[in-house]
Amino acid sequence: MSDRPRLKLTGVVLDSPDARKLADFYRRLLGWDAVEDEPEWVVLAAPDGGAGLSFQTDQDYVPPAWPAGPHHQRMMAHLDIEVDDLDAAVAHALAEGAVLAKYQPQQHVRVCLDPSGHPFCLYLPGA
């Protein structure tokens, strides 16, 4: 028997100058519902019960550069989103307000930037 306490990852938090605006982008992108919606804090629930996404307003937020160079704000984390049709998923993301990153390091992955500049990857499984 382990002495380690039970730990469960329940979500990932993304900072933004406007939590509600960024949460609305991911709500439309993923089709998830908000379970908390305050002016500076929004939580989206994963429909399968997995870890959700939360968003908090940070007036001093600085978007990361992708790819980062010397003296750039570096990405601390990014989201990987599995898709079944890469072209359709990219078109959907762009229609909802994402921007396709200029630098694309892999053929089966498309790096996009959300409205706050966070990179996220759309990818095909097993490719």
Protein backbone atom coordinates (compact mmCIF):
# COMPACT_ATOMS: atom_id res chain seq x y z
CA MET A 1 0.00 0.00 0.00
CA SER A 2 1.33 3.44 -0.96
CA ASP A 3 1.63 6.38 1.38
CA ARG A 4 1.07 8.68 -1.55
CA PRO A 5 -2.20 10.62 -1.27
CA ARG A 6 -4.73 10.33 -4.07
CA LEU A 7 -4.04 12.96 -6.74
CA LYS A 8 -6.19 13.63 -9.77
CA LEU A 9 -5.47 16.14 -12.55
CA THR A 10 -8.75 17.97 -13.09
CA GLY A 11 -7.76 20.65 -15.55
CA VAL A 12 -5.30 22.93 -17.25
CA VAL A 13 -5.45 26.70 -16.75
CA LEU A 14 -4.63 29.17 -19.52
CA ASP A 15 -3.99 32.84 -18.80
CA SER A 16 -5.40 35.53 -21.07
CA PRO A 17 -6.09 39.24 -21.02
CA ASP A 18 -9.78 38.23 -21.30
CA ALA A 19 -10.73 34.85 -19.78
CA ARG A 20 -14.26 34.89 -21.20
CA LYS A 21 -13.12 35.63 -24.75
CA LEU A 22 -10.55 32.82 -24.73
CA ALA A 23 -12.97 30.39 -23.07
CA ASP A 24 -15.57 31.17 -25.72
CA PHE A 25 -13.04 30.33 -28.45
CA TYR A 26 -12.31 26.90 -26.90
CA ARG A 27 -16.03 26.32 -26.21
CA ARG A 28 -16.73 26.76 -29.92
CA LEU A 29 -13.62 24.84 -30.99
CA LEU A 30 -14.18 21.80 -28.76
CA GLY A 31 -17.94 21.93 -28.25
CA TRP A 32 -17.52 21.86 -24.46
CA ASP A 33 -19.86 23.54 -21.97
CA ALA A 34 -18.92 26.10 -19.35
CA VAL A 35 -19.54 24.90 -15.79
CA GLU A 36 -18.22 28.10 -14.19
CA ASP A 37 -18.40 31.52 -15.81
CA GLU A 38 -17.15 34.52 -13.88
CA PRO A 39 -15.70 37.70 -15.42
CA GLU A 40 -12.11 36.63 -14.67
CA TRP A 41 -12.46 32.84 -14.38
CA VAL A 42 -14.17 30.33 -16.69
CA VAL A 43 -14.13 26.53 -16.57
CA LEU A 44 -15.03 24.26 -19.49
CA ALA A 45 -15.88 20.63 -18.70
CA ALA A 46 -14.74 17.75 -20.86
CA PRO A 47 -17.85 15.78 -21.87
CA ASP A 48 -16.09 12.45 -21.18
CA GLY A 49 -15.31 13.48 -17.60
CA GLY A 50 -11.59 13.94 -18.26
CA ALA A 51 -9.56 16.98 -17.34
CA GLY A 52 -11.20 20.25 -18.33
CA LEU A 53 -9.86 23.63 -19.36
CA SER A 54 -9.93 26.73 -17.20
CA PHE A 55 -9.19 30.31 -18.15
CA GLN A 56 -8.14 33.19 -15.94
CA THR A 57 -7.77 36.85 -16.73
CA ASP A 58 -4.23 38.19 -16.34
CA GLN A 59 -3.84 41.82 -17.34
CA ASP A 60 -0.04 41.35 -17.55
CA TYR A 61 -0.25 38.30 -19.85
CA VAL A 62 2.39 38.22 -22.58
CA PRO A 63 1.74 35.78 -25.45
CA PRO A 64 4.52 33.33 -26.27
CA ALA A 65 6.40 33.46 -29.55
CA TRP A 66 6.18 30.38 -31.78
CA PRO A 67 8.82 29.34 -32.41
CA ALA A 68 10.61 31.30 -29.71
CA GLY A 69 13.93 32.93 -30.36
CA PRO A 70 16.39 34.62 -28.04
CA HIS A 71 14.74 37.10 -25.68
CA HIS A 72 11.20 35.99 -26.66
CA GLN A 73 8.50 34.95 -24.24
CA ARG A 74 8.70 31.15 -24.41
CA MET A 75 5.78 28.78 -24.49
CA MET A 76 5.35 27.06 -21.13
CA ALA A 77 2.82 24.48 -22.31
CA HIS A 78 0.57 23.74 -25.26
CA LEU A 79 -2.53 21.67 -25.95
CA ASP A 80 -2.49 18.58 -28.19
CA ILE A 81 -5.86 17.95 -29.81
CA GLU A 82 -6.40 14.69 -31.70
CA VAL A 83 -8.50 14.98 -34.86
CA ASP A 84 -9.83 12.57 -37.47
CA ASP A 85 -9.53 14.98 -40.42
CA LEU A 86 -6.63 17.41 -40.23
CA ASP A 87 -7.75 19.72 -43.03
CA ALA A 88 -11.32 19.96 -41.68
CA ALA A 89 -10.06 20.54 -38.13
CA VAL A 90 -7.73 23.33 -39.26
CA ALA A 91 -10.54 24.95 -41.26
CA HIS A 92 -12.82 24.76 -38.19
CA ALA A 93 -10.15 26.24 -35.90
CA LEU A 94 -9.49 29.10 -38.32
CA ALA A 95 -13.22 29.79 -38.69
CA GLU A 96 -13.52 30.06 -34.90
CA GLY A 97 -10.66 32.58 -34.63
CA ALA A 98 -7.40 30.63 -34.54
CA VAL A 99 -4.41 31.56 -36.67
CA LEU A 100 -2.28 28.99 -38.46
CA ALA A 101 1.31 29.33 -37.23
CA LYS A 102 3.87 30.12 -39.91
CA TYR A 103 6.25 27.46 -38.60
CA GLN A 104 4.93 23.89 -39.01
CA PRO A 105 7.48 21.31 -37.77
CA GLN A 106 5.62 18.10 -38.75
CA GLN A 107 3.47 16.95 -41.68
CA HIS A 108 0.78 15.22 -39.60
CA VAL A 109 0.47 18.10 -37.11
CA ARG A 110 -0.79 21.64 -37.57
CA VAL A 111 0.25 24.25 -35.04
CA CYS A 112 -2.36 26.95 -34.52
CA LEU A 113 -2.46 29.95 -32.22
CA ASP A 114 -5.55 30.73 -30.18
CA PRO A 115 -6.84 34.33 -29.86
CA SER A 116 -4.48 34.93 -26.90
CA GLY A 117 -1.48 33.51 -28.76
CA HIS A 118 -1.25 30.12 -27.03
CA PRO A 119 -0.02 27.47 -29.48
CA PHE A 120 -2.09 24.31 -29.80
CA CYS A 121 -1.51 21.31 -32.02
CA LEU A 122 -4.10 19.53 -34.12
CA TYR A 123 -2.82 16.08 -35.00
CA LEU A 124 -3.79 12.79 -36.61
CA PRO A 125 -3.47 9.73 -34.36
CA GLY A 126 -0.81 7.21 -35.30
CA ALA A 127 0.59 9.31 -38.10
